[in-house]
Amino acid sequence: DDGRSFEGTLCGPGGEARLWRGARLGVGTGMRRKRRGAKPPQKAAWVHDSYTRRGRLLLAAGDAAAARADALAAIRLCPRAADGWSLLADAAESEGEAAAAAAEVEWLQG
């Protein structure tokens, strides 16, 4: 036993019980491990890039609040992509929230 198998009792809505067995999949068994800094899924990449690029432009124009909103939209769309988190850190730093910016950078480096 490699510690990946499990069994238990599955109870249906009518109270009937049946044995349930399975095995957890891990890295190396066909499941890919998701990492920080991963690229957005192909179908969402252009929207994610639009948010982060517009956010960078807004930040350069001095509108840190709008840049932060775009960063949060990008993060909601793809939370594992580093671009959104990096933009959020830069927007927080621009707004004078150095602690929040440091937390974002620490997460990215994690």
Foldseek 3Di string as FASTA:
>chain_A
DPPFKDKDWDADPVGDIDIDIDGDDDPPRPDDDQAAQDAAPPVCRVVLVVLLVVLVVCVVVPNLVSSLVSLVVSCVRPVRRLSSLQSNLSSCVSVVNNVSSVVSVVVNVD
